[in-house]
């Protein structure tokens, strides 16, 4: 997704690329011929944050259809997203399920995270009057030559069911 976001941000599509030499032959544009630059660690962290925010705020298919007879669909991109939390009353027992759902969504739909490194824990330090529950997410990004450790905070707003992802 980074290549598309970067091109959109740079407004590449607005630049005409029908380049031709003196003989009328097409010339490959420099931006297409140049090797792709490696993504920097801060940009990679930002991209992951954007994608995780989209993942946890997309309601999956399993929230509206019973997929118990369709095990492969439940693990496929058709079920991309997070269970719908707006219809549920969230109590202490349900919070453990939300934590497990968050870990499952990350493991299933975020292949850049090393599965064995994903840890989701509840942070009990928030005031209950804030109507939020905070989860701390730690994982390693699969990168070359070294894996990059990342930490995110996932704040679940109890009144709306929305989850906000931000760097820690």
N, C-alpha and C. Protein backbone atom coordinates (compact mmCIF):
# COMPACT_ATOMS: atom_id res chain seq x y z
N UNK A 1 0.82 -1.19 0.00
CA UNK A 1 0.00 0.00 0.00
C UNK A 1 0.86 1.26 0.00
N UNK A 2 2.08 1.13 0.51
CA UNK A 2 2.94 2.30 0.62
C UNK A 2 3.16 2.96 -0.74
N UNK A 3 3.40 2.16 -1.78
CA UNK A 3 3.67 2.73 -3.10
C UNK A 3 2.49 3.56 -3.58
N UNK A 4 1.29 3.11 -3.33
CA UNK A 4 0.11 3.84 -3.76
C UNK A 4 -0.11 5.10 -2.93
N UNK A 5 0.07 4.99 -1.61
CA UNK A 5 -0.09 6.17 -0.75
C UNK A 5 0.95 7.23 -1.08
N UNK A 6 2.18 6.78 -1.32
CA UNK A 6 3.26 7.72 -1.64
C UNK A 6 2.98 8.42 -2.96
N UNK A 7 2.53 7.68 -3.97
CA UNK A 7 2.20 8.29 -5.26
C UNK A 7 1.04 9.26 -5.12
N UNK A 8 0.04 8.90 -4.33
CA UNK A 8 -1.10 9.79 -4.11
C UNK A 8 -0.66 11.07 -3.41
N UNK A 9 0.18 10.91 -2.41
CA UNK A 9 0.65 12.07 -1.65
C UNK A 9 1.47 13.01 -2.54
N UNK A 10 2.25 12.42 -3.45
CA UNK A 10 3.07 13.24 -4.36
C UNK A 10 2.31 13.71 -5.58
N UNK A 11 1.04 13.34 -5.70
CA UNK A 11 0.18 13.73 -6.82
C UNK A 11 0.79 13.31 -8.16
N UNK A 12 1.35 12.09 -8.21
CA UNK A 12 1.99 11.58 -9.42
C UNK A 12 1.04 11.50 -10.61
N UNK A 13 -0.21 11.20 -10.37
CA UNK A 13 -1.15 10.99 -11.47
C UNK A 13 -1.43 12.28 -12.25
N UNK A 14 -1.14 13.41 -11.66
CA UNK A 14 -1.42 14.68 -12.34
C UNK A 14 -0.32 15.09 -13.31
N UNK A 15 0.78 14.36 -13.32
CA UNK A 15 1.90 14.69 -14.19
C UNK A 15 1.81 13.82 -15.44
N UNK A 16 1.78 14.46 -16.60
CA UNK A 16 1.71 13.72 -17.86
C UNK A 16 3.00 12.93 -18.07
N UNK A 17 2.86 11.67 -18.50
CA UNK A 17 4.03 10.82 -18.67
C UNK A 17 4.18 10.30 -20.09
N UNK A 18 3.52 10.89 -21.04
CA UNK A 18 3.65 10.44 -22.42
C UNK A 18 4.91 11.07 -23.01
N UNK A 19 6.05 10.56 -22.57
CA UNK A 19 7.33 11.11 -23.02
C UNK A 19 7.80 10.38 -24.27
N UNK A 20 8.28 11.17 -25.26
CA UNK A 20 8.74 10.58 -26.51
C UNK A 20 10.05 11.24 -26.94
N UNK A 21 10.88 10.46 -27.62
CA UNK A 21 12.13 11.02 -28.12
C UNK A 21 11.90 11.69 -29.47
N UNK A 22 12.97 12.13 -30.12
CA UNK A 22 12.83 12.86 -31.39
C UNK A 22 12.18 12.02 -32.48
N UNK A 23 12.35 10.69 -32.41
CA UNK A 23 11.79 9.79 -33.42
C UNK A 23 10.35 9.39 -33.12
N UNK A 24 9.80 9.87 -32.02
CA UNK A 24 8.42 9.55 -31.67
C UNK A 24 8.26 8.30 -30.81
N UNK A 25 9.39 7.67 -30.46
CA UNK A 25 9.33 6.47 -29.62
C UNK A 25 9.11 6.86 -28.16
N UNK A 26 8.32 6.05 -27.47
CA UNK A 26 8.07 6.32 -26.04
C UNK A 26 9.33 6.10 -25.23
N UNK A 27 9.50 6.96 -24.26
CA UNK A 27 10.63 6.88 -23.34
C UNK A 27 10.06 6.52 -21.96
N UNK A 28 10.72 5.59 -21.30
CA UNK A 28 10.27 5.20 -19.96
C UNK A 28 10.55 6.36 -19.01
N UNK A 29 9.52 6.77 -18.30
CA UNK A 29 9.66 7.89 -17.37
C UNK A 29 10.66 7.54 -16.27
N UNK A 30 11.36 8.54 -15.82
CA UNK A 30 12.40 8.35 -14.81
C UNK A 30 11.84 7.72 -13.54
N UNK A 31 10.65 8.14 -13.13
CA UNK A 31 10.11 7.60 -11.88
C UNK A 31 9.75 6.13 -12.00
N UNK A 32 9.50 5.67 -13.23
CA UNK A 32 9.22 4.24 -13.41
C UNK A 32 10.50 3.44 -13.60
N UNK A 33 11.52 4.05 -14.16
CA UNK A 33 12.77 3.35 -14.42
C UNK A 33 13.67 3.31 -13.20
N UNK A 34 13.52 4.27 -12.32
CA UNK A 34 14.38 4.33 -11.13
C UNK A 34 14.01 3.21 -10.16
N UNK A 35 15.02 2.63 -9.53
CA UNK A 35 14.70 1.61 -8.54
C UNK A 35 13.96 2.23 -7.35
N UNK A 36 13.09 1.47 -6.76
CA UNK A 36 12.34 1.97 -5.61
C UNK A 36 13.28 2.19 -4.44
N UNK A 37 13.11 3.30 -3.80
CA UNK A 37 13.90 3.59 -2.60
C UNK A 37 13.35 2.76 -1.45
N UNK A 38 14.24 2.38 -0.57
CA UNK A 38 13.81 1.63 0.61
C UNK A 38 12.98 2.54 1.51
N UNK A 39 12.00 1.97 2.14
CA UNK A 39 11.15 2.75 3.04
C UNK A 39 11.90 2.96 4.35
N UNK A 40 11.78 4.13 4.89
CA UNK A 40 12.44 4.43 6.16
C UNK A 40 11.62 3.85 7.32
N UNK A 41 12.27 3.68 8.45
CA UNK A 41 11.58 3.11 9.61
C UNK A 41 10.40 3.97 10.07
N UNK A 42 10.55 5.30 10.16
CA UNK A 42 9.38 6.10 10.56
C UNK A 42 8.21 5.99 9.58
N UNK A 43 8.51 5.95 8.27
CA UNK A 43 7.44 5.80 7.29
C UNK A 43 6.78 4.42 7.41
N UNK A 44 7.58 3.41 7.65
CA UNK A 44 7.04 2.07 7.81
C UNK A 44 6.12 2.00 9.03
N UNK A 45 6.54 2.60 10.12
CA UNK A 45 5.71 2.63 11.33
C UNK A 45 4.39 3.37 11.07
N UNK A 46 4.47 4.47 10.32
CA UNK A 46 3.26 5.23 9.99
C UNK A 46 2.33 4.40 9.11
N UNK A 47 2.88 3.71 8.13
CA UNK A 47 2.08 2.87 7.25
C UNK A 47 1.39 1.74 8.02
N UNK A 48 2.13 1.11 8.92
CA UNK A 48 1.55 0.05 9.74
C UNK A 48 0.41 0.60 10.59
N UNK A 49 0.63 1.77 11.17
CA UNK A 49 -0.39 2.39 12.02
C UNK A 49 -1.66 2.68 11.22
N UNK A 50 -1.51 3.20 10.02
CA UNK A 50 -2.67 3.48 9.16
C UNK A 50 -3.42 2.19 8.83
N UNK A 51 -2.67 1.15 8.46
CA UNK A 51 -3.30 -0.12 8.09
C UNK A 51 -3.97 -0.81 9.28
N UNK A 52 -3.35 -0.74 10.45
CA UNK A 52 -3.96 -1.34 11.64
C UNK A 52 -5.22 -0.61 12.04
N UNK A 53 -5.21 0.72 11.92
CA UNK A 53 -6.40 1.50 12.24
C UNK A 53 -7.54 1.12 11.30
N UNK A 54 -7.23 0.95 10.02
CA UNK A 54 -8.26 0.53 9.06
C UNK A 54 -8.75 -0.88 9.37
N UNK A 55 -7.85 -1.77 9.76
CA UNK A 55 -8.22 -3.14 10.07
C UNK A 55 -9.20 -3.22 11.23
N UNK A 56 -8.87 -2.55 12.33
CA UNK A 56 -9.71 -2.70 13.53
C UNK A 56 -11.00 -1.88 13.45
N UNK A 57 -11.10 -0.97 12.50
CA UNK A 57 -12.32 -0.19 12.35
C UNK A 57 -13.13 -0.61 11.13
N UNK A 58 -12.81 -1.78 10.58
CA UNK A 58 -13.60 -2.40 9.53
C UNK A 58 -14.37 -3.55 10.17
N UNK A 59 -15.67 -3.57 10.01
CA UNK A 59 -16.48 -4.63 10.61
C UNK A 59 -16.42 -5.86 9.70
N UNK A 60 -16.04 -6.98 10.29
CA UNK A 60 -15.88 -8.19 9.48
C UNK A 60 -17.21 -8.84 9.13
N UNK A 61 -17.15 -9.72 8.15
CA UNK A 61 -18.34 -10.41 7.66
C UNK A 61 -18.96 -11.30 8.73
N UNK A 62 -18.11 -11.88 9.58
CA UNK A 62 -18.60 -12.77 10.63
C UNK A 62 -19.48 -12.07 11.65
N UNK A 63 -19.50 -10.75 11.65
CA UNK A 63 -20.37 -10.02 12.56
C UNK A 63 -21.83 -10.04 12.11
N UNK A 64 -22.05 -10.25 10.82
CA UNK A 64 -23.42 -10.23 10.31
C UNK A 64 -23.89 -11.58 9.77
N UNK A 65 -22.96 -12.49 9.52
CA UNK A 65 -23.31 -13.82 9.02
C UNK A 65 -22.64 -14.89 9.87
N UNK A 66 -23.32 -16.00 10.04
CA UNK A 66 -22.74 -17.12 10.77
C UNK A 66 -21.79 -17.86 9.83
N UNK A 67 -20.51 -17.81 10.13
CA UNK A 67 -19.50 -18.43 9.27
C UNK A 67 -18.99 -19.75 9.85
N UNK A 68 -19.69 -20.30 10.83
CA UNK A 68 -19.21 -21.52 11.48
C UNK A 68 -19.12 -22.70 10.51
N UNK A 69 -19.93 -22.73 9.48
CA UNK A 69 -19.87 -23.80 8.48
C UNK A 69 -18.86 -23.49 7.37
N UNK A 70 -18.27 -22.31 7.41
CA UNK A 70 -17.35 -21.87 6.35
C UNK A 70 -16.03 -21.44 6.97
N UNK A 71 -15.29 -22.42 7.46
CA UNK A 71 -14.05 -22.14 8.19
C UNK A 71 -13.05 -21.34 7.35
N UNK A 72 -12.94 -21.68 6.07
CA UNK A 72 -11.98 -20.98 5.21
C UNK A 72 -12.38 -19.52 4.98
N UNK A 73 -13.66 -19.26 4.88
CA UNK A 73 -14.14 -17.88 4.70
C UNK A 73 -13.81 -17.07 5.95
N UNK A 74 -13.96 -17.67 7.11
CA UNK A 74 -13.66 -16.98 8.36
C UNK A 74 -12.22 -16.53 8.47
N UNK A 75 -11.31 -17.24 7.78
CA UNK A 75 -9.89 -16.87 7.81
C UNK A 75 -9.44 -16.14 6.56
N UNK A 76 -10.36 -15.89 5.64
CA UNK A 76 -9.98 -15.27 4.37
C UNK A 76 -10.16 -13.76 4.40
N UNK A 77 -9.77 -13.13 3.33
CA UNK A 77 -9.90 -11.68 3.20
C UNK A 77 -11.37 -11.26 3.16
N UNK A 78 -12.27 -12.19 2.86
CA UNK A 78 -13.70 -11.88 2.89
C UNK A 78 -14.16 -11.49 4.29
N UNK A 79 -13.45 -11.97 5.29
CA UNK A 79 -13.81 -11.69 6.68
C UNK A 79 -12.84 -10.67 7.29
N UNK A 80 -12.18 -9.90 6.45
CA UNK A 80 -11.20 -8.90 6.91
C UNK A 80 -11.87 -7.91 7.85
N UNK A 81 -11.23 -7.64 8.94
CA UNK A 81 -11.74 -6.65 9.87
C UNK A 81 -11.87 -7.19 11.27
N UNK A 82 -12.70 -6.53 12.05
CA UNK A 82 -12.84 -6.78 13.48
C UNK A 82 -14.32 -7.01 13.77
N UNK A 83 -14.64 -7.83 14.76
CA UNK A 83 -16.05 -8.02 15.10
C UNK A 83 -16.73 -6.70 15.47
N UNK A 84 -18.01 -6.61 15.16
CA UNK A 84 -18.79 -5.41 15.46
C UNK A 84 -19.01 -5.31 16.97
N UNK A 85 -18.54 -4.23 17.56
CA UNK A 85 -18.65 -4.05 19.00
C UNK A 85 -19.80 -3.14 19.39
N UNK A 86 -20.43 -2.49 18.43
CA UNK A 86 -21.46 -1.50 18.77
C UNK A 86 -22.71 -2.14 19.35
N UNK A 87 -22.99 -3.40 19.03
CA UNK A 87 -24.20 -4.05 19.53
C UNK A 87 -23.97 -4.75 20.86
N UNK A 88 -22.76 -4.79 21.33
CA UNK A 88 -22.45 -5.57 22.52
C UNK A 88 -22.33 -4.69 23.75
N UNK A 89 -22.74 -5.23 24.86
CA UNK A 89 -22.44 -4.56 26.12
C UNK A 89 -21.09 -5.11 26.56
N UNK A 90 -20.17 -4.23 26.84
CA UNK A 90 -18.81 -4.66 27.13
C UNK A 90 -18.58 -4.63 28.64
N UNK A 91 -18.42 -5.83 29.20
CA UNK A 91 -18.12 -5.95 30.62
C UNK A 91 -16.71 -6.54 30.75
N UNK A 92 -16.31 -6.86 31.97
CA UNK A 92 -14.96 -7.37 32.20
C UNK A 92 -14.70 -8.66 31.43
N UNK A 93 -15.68 -9.56 31.39
CA UNK A 93 -15.51 -10.81 30.66
C UNK A 93 -15.34 -10.55 29.16
N UNK A 94 -16.12 -9.66 28.63
CA UNK A 94 -16.07 -9.36 27.20
C UNK A 94 -14.74 -8.70 26.83
N UNK A 95 -14.12 -7.99 27.75
CA UNK A 95 -12.85 -7.33 27.45
C UNK A 95 -11.75 -8.34 27.13
N UNK A 96 -11.77 -9.49 27.78
CA UNK A 96 -10.81 -10.54 27.43
C UNK A 96 -11.06 -11.04 26.02
N UNK A 97 -12.32 -11.14 25.65
CA UNK A 97 -12.67 -11.56 24.30
C UNK A 97 -12.23 -10.52 23.28
N UNK A 98 -12.39 -9.24 23.61
CA UNK A 98 -11.94 -8.17 22.71
C UNK A 98 -10.43 -8.25 22.53
N UNK A 99 -9.70 -8.49 23.61
CA UNK A 99 -8.24 -8.62 23.53
C UNK A 99 -7.87 -9.79 22.62
N UNK A 100 -8.55 -10.91 22.78
CA UNK A 100 -8.29 -12.08 21.93
C UNK A 100 -8.66 -11.80 20.48
N UNK A 101 -9.77 -11.11 20.25
CA UNK A 101 -10.18 -10.74 18.89
C UNK A 101 -9.15 -9.83 18.24
N UNK A 102 -8.61 -8.89 19.01
CA UNK A 102 -7.60 -7.98 18.49
C UNK A 102 -6.35 -8.75 18.08
N UNK A 103 -5.90 -9.65 18.94
CA UNK A 103 -4.72 -10.46 18.62
C UNK A 103 -4.99 -11.33 17.39
N UNK A 104 -6.17 -11.92 17.31
CA UNK A 104 -6.52 -12.78 16.17
C UNK A 104 -6.55 -11.99 14.86
N UNK A 105 -7.13 -10.79 14.90
CA UNK A 105 -7.18 -9.96 13.68
C UNK A 105 -5.78 -9.59 13.23
N UNK A 106 -4.91 -9.23 14.16
CA UNK A 106 -3.53 -8.88 13.81
C UNK A 106 -2.80 -10.07 13.21
N UNK A 107 -2.95 -11.23 13.82
CA UNK A 107 -2.26 -12.42 13.33
C UNK A 107 -2.79 -12.87 11.97
N UNK A 108 -4.08 -12.69 11.75
CA UNK A 108 -4.69 -13.16 10.50
C UNK A 108 -4.47 -12.20 9.34
N UNK A 109 -4.56 -10.89 9.59
CA UNK A 109 -4.60 -9.94 8.48
C UNK A 109 -3.43 -8.97 8.41
N UNK A 110 -2.44 -9.11 9.26
CA UNK A 110 -1.26 -8.24 9.16
C UNK A 110 -0.01 -9.10 9.03
N UNK A 111 0.31 -9.49 7.79
CA UNK A 111 1.44 -10.41 7.58
C UNK A 111 2.81 -9.79 7.84
N UNK A 112 2.88 -8.47 7.96
CA UNK A 112 4.18 -7.85 8.23
C UNK A 112 4.62 -8.04 9.68
N UNK A 113 3.70 -8.46 10.53
CA UNK A 113 4.04 -8.73 11.93
C UNK A 113 4.45 -10.19 12.07
N UNK A 114 5.52 -10.43 12.82
CA UNK A 114 5.95 -11.79 13.09
C UNK A 114 4.99 -12.39 14.11
N UNK A 115 4.33 -13.47 13.73
CA UNK A 115 3.24 -14.03 14.53
C UNK A 115 3.65 -14.35 15.97
N UNK A 116 4.81 -14.93 16.15
CA UNK A 116 5.25 -15.32 17.50
C UNK A 116 5.55 -14.13 18.39
N UNK A 117 5.68 -12.95 17.80
CA UNK A 117 6.06 -11.77 18.59
C UNK A 117 4.86 -10.93 19.02
N UNK A 118 3.68 -11.22 18.50
CA UNK A 118 2.50 -10.39 18.78
C UNK A 118 1.99 -10.64 20.20
N UNK A 119 1.96 -9.56 20.99
CA UNK A 119 1.45 -9.62 22.37
C UNK A 119 0.45 -8.49 22.53
N UNK A 120 -0.76 -8.82 22.98
CA UNK A 120 -1.80 -7.82 23.25
C UNK A 120 -2.16 -7.93 24.72
N UNK A 121 -2.00 -6.82 25.45
CA UNK A 121 -2.30 -6.80 26.88
C UNK A 121 -3.22 -5.64 27.19
N UNK A 122 -4.05 -5.83 28.17
CA UNK A 122 -4.92 -4.74 28.62
C UNK A 122 -4.14 -3.84 29.56
N UNK A 123 -4.29 -2.53 29.37
CA UNK A 123 -3.68 -1.54 30.24
C UNK A 123 -4.75 -1.06 31.21
N UNK A 124 -4.59 -1.39 32.46
CA UNK A 124 -5.60 -1.03 33.46
C UNK A 124 -5.42 0.36 34.04
N UNK A 125 -4.53 1.16 33.47
CA UNK A 125 -4.22 2.46 34.04
C UNK A 125 -5.18 3.59 33.70
N UNK A 126 -6.18 3.35 32.88
CA UNK A 126 -7.11 4.42 32.51
C UNK A 126 -8.21 4.58 33.55
N UNK A 127 -8.66 5.80 33.71
CA UNK A 127 -9.78 6.10 34.60
C UNK A 127 -11.07 5.59 33.95
N UNK A 128 -11.88 4.80 34.66
CA UNK A 128 -13.13 4.28 34.08
C UNK A 128 -14.08 5.38 33.60
N UNK A 129 -13.96 6.58 34.14
CA UNK A 129 -14.83 7.68 33.72
C UNK A 129 -14.54 8.12 32.28
N UNK A 130 -13.39 7.74 31.74
CA UNK A 130 -13.05 8.12 30.37
C UNK A 130 -13.83 7.32 29.33
N UNK A 131 -14.49 6.26 29.77
CA UNK A 131 -15.24 5.37 28.87
C UNK A 131 -14.36 4.81 27.76
N UNK A 132 -13.12 4.47 28.13
CA UNK A 132 -12.18 3.86 27.20
C UNK A 132 -11.52 2.67 27.88
N UNK A 133 -11.15 1.72 27.06
CA UNK A 133 -10.32 0.61 27.50
C UNK A 133 -9.10 0.62 26.60
N UNK A 134 -7.94 0.49 27.20
CA UNK A 134 -6.69 0.57 26.43
C UNK A 134 -6.02 -0.80 26.38
N UNK A 135 -5.57 -1.12 25.18
CA UNK A 135 -4.78 -2.33 24.98
C UNK A 135 -3.41 -1.92 24.46
N UNK A 136 -2.38 -2.57 24.96
CA UNK A 136 -1.02 -2.34 24.49
C UNK A 136 -0.65 -3.48 23.56
N UNK A 137 -0.17 -3.12 22.38
CA UNK A 137 0.19 -4.11 21.36
C UNK A 137 1.69 -4.01 21.12
N UNK A 138 2.38 -5.13 21.28
CA UNK A 138 3.81 -5.20 20.99
C UNK A 138 4.03 -6.31 19.97
N UNK A 139 4.90 -6.03 19.01
CA UNK A 139 5.21 -7.03 17.99
C UNK A 139 6.51 -6.63 17.30
N UNK A 140 7.00 -7.52 16.46
CA UNK A 140 8.16 -7.24 15.62
C UNK A 140 7.72 -7.24 14.17
N UNK A 141 8.16 -6.21 13.43
CA UNK A 141 7.91 -6.16 11.99
C UNK A 141 8.96 -7.01 11.29
N UNK A 142 8.54 -7.78 10.34
CA UNK A 142 9.45 -8.62 9.58
C UNK A 142 10.17 -7.74 8.56
N UNK A 143 11.39 -7.37 8.85
CA UNK A 143 12.17 -6.48 7.99
C UNK A 143 13.55 -7.08 7.73
N UNK A 144 14.20 -6.59 6.71
CA UNK A 144 15.57 -6.98 6.41
C UNK A 144 16.47 -5.78 6.60
N UNK A 145 17.61 -5.87 7.18
CA UNK A 145 18.26 -7.07 7.72
C UNK A 145 17.83 -7.41 9.15
N UNK A 146 17.20 -6.47 9.86
CA UNK A 146 16.78 -6.71 11.24
C UNK A 146 15.29 -6.47 11.39
N UNK A 147 14.66 -7.26 12.23
CA UNK A 147 13.25 -7.02 12.54
C UNK A 147 13.13 -5.75 13.37
N UNK A 148 12.05 -5.03 13.17
CA UNK A 148 11.84 -3.76 13.85
C UNK A 148 10.76 -3.94 14.92
N UNK A 149 11.10 -3.70 16.19
CA UNK A 149 10.07 -3.80 17.23
C UNK A 149 9.12 -2.60 17.15
N UNK A 150 7.84 -2.86 17.30
CA UNK A 150 6.84 -1.79 17.29
C UNK A 150 5.93 -1.95 18.50
N UNK A 151 5.42 -0.82 18.96
CA UNK A 151 4.44 -0.81 20.04
C UNK A 151 3.33 0.14 19.65
N UNK A 152 2.11 -0.30 19.85
CA UNK A 152 0.95 0.52 19.56
C UNK A 152 0.02 0.51 20.76
N UNK A 153 -0.78 1.55 20.83
CA UNK A 153 -1.84 1.63 21.82
C UNK A 153 -3.15 1.56 21.05
N UNK A 154 -4.03 0.68 21.49
CA UNK A 154 -5.36 0.56 20.89
C UNK A 154 -6.37 0.97 21.95
N UNK A 155 -6.99 2.13 21.75
CA UNK A 155 -8.00 2.64 22.68
C UNK A 155 -9.39 2.31 22.16
N UNK A 156 -10.12 1.51 22.91
CA UNK A 156 -11.49 1.14 22.58
C UNK A 156 -12.43 2.10 23.29
N UNK A 157 -13.21 2.85 22.51
CA UNK A 157 -14.21 3.75 23.09
C UNK A 157 -15.46 2.92 23.37
N UNK A 158 -15.82 2.81 24.63
CA UNK A 158 -16.92 1.94 25.02
C UNK A 158 -18.27 2.41 24.51
N UNK A 159 -18.44 3.71 24.34
CA UNK A 159 -19.75 4.21 23.90
C UNK A 159 -19.96 4.07 22.40
N UNK A 160 -18.90 4.08 21.59
CA UNK A 160 -19.05 3.99 20.14
C UNK A 160 -18.57 2.66 19.56
N UNK A 161 -17.72 1.95 20.28
CA UNK A 161 -17.16 0.71 19.75
C UNK A 161 -16.00 0.93 18.80
N UNK A 162 -15.58 2.16 18.61
CA UNK A 162 -14.46 2.47 17.73
C UNK A 162 -13.14 2.21 18.45
N UNK A 163 -12.14 1.83 17.68
CA UNK A 163 -10.80 1.61 18.22
C UNK A 163 -9.85 2.58 17.54
N UNK A 164 -9.11 3.32 18.33
CA UNK A 164 -8.11 4.25 17.80
C UNK A 164 -6.73 3.65 18.03
N UNK A 165 -5.96 3.55 16.96
CA UNK A 165 -4.60 3.02 17.02
C UNK A 165 -3.63 4.19 16.95
N UNK A 166 -2.65 4.19 17.84
CA UNK A 166 -1.61 5.22 17.77
C UNK A 166 -0.31 4.61 18.27
N UNK A 167 0.79 5.23 17.86
CA UNK A 167 2.11 4.78 18.32
C UNK A 167 2.25 5.00 19.80
N UNK A 168 3.04 4.18 20.40
CA UNK A 168 3.29 4.33 21.83
C UNK A 168 4.57 5.08 22.05
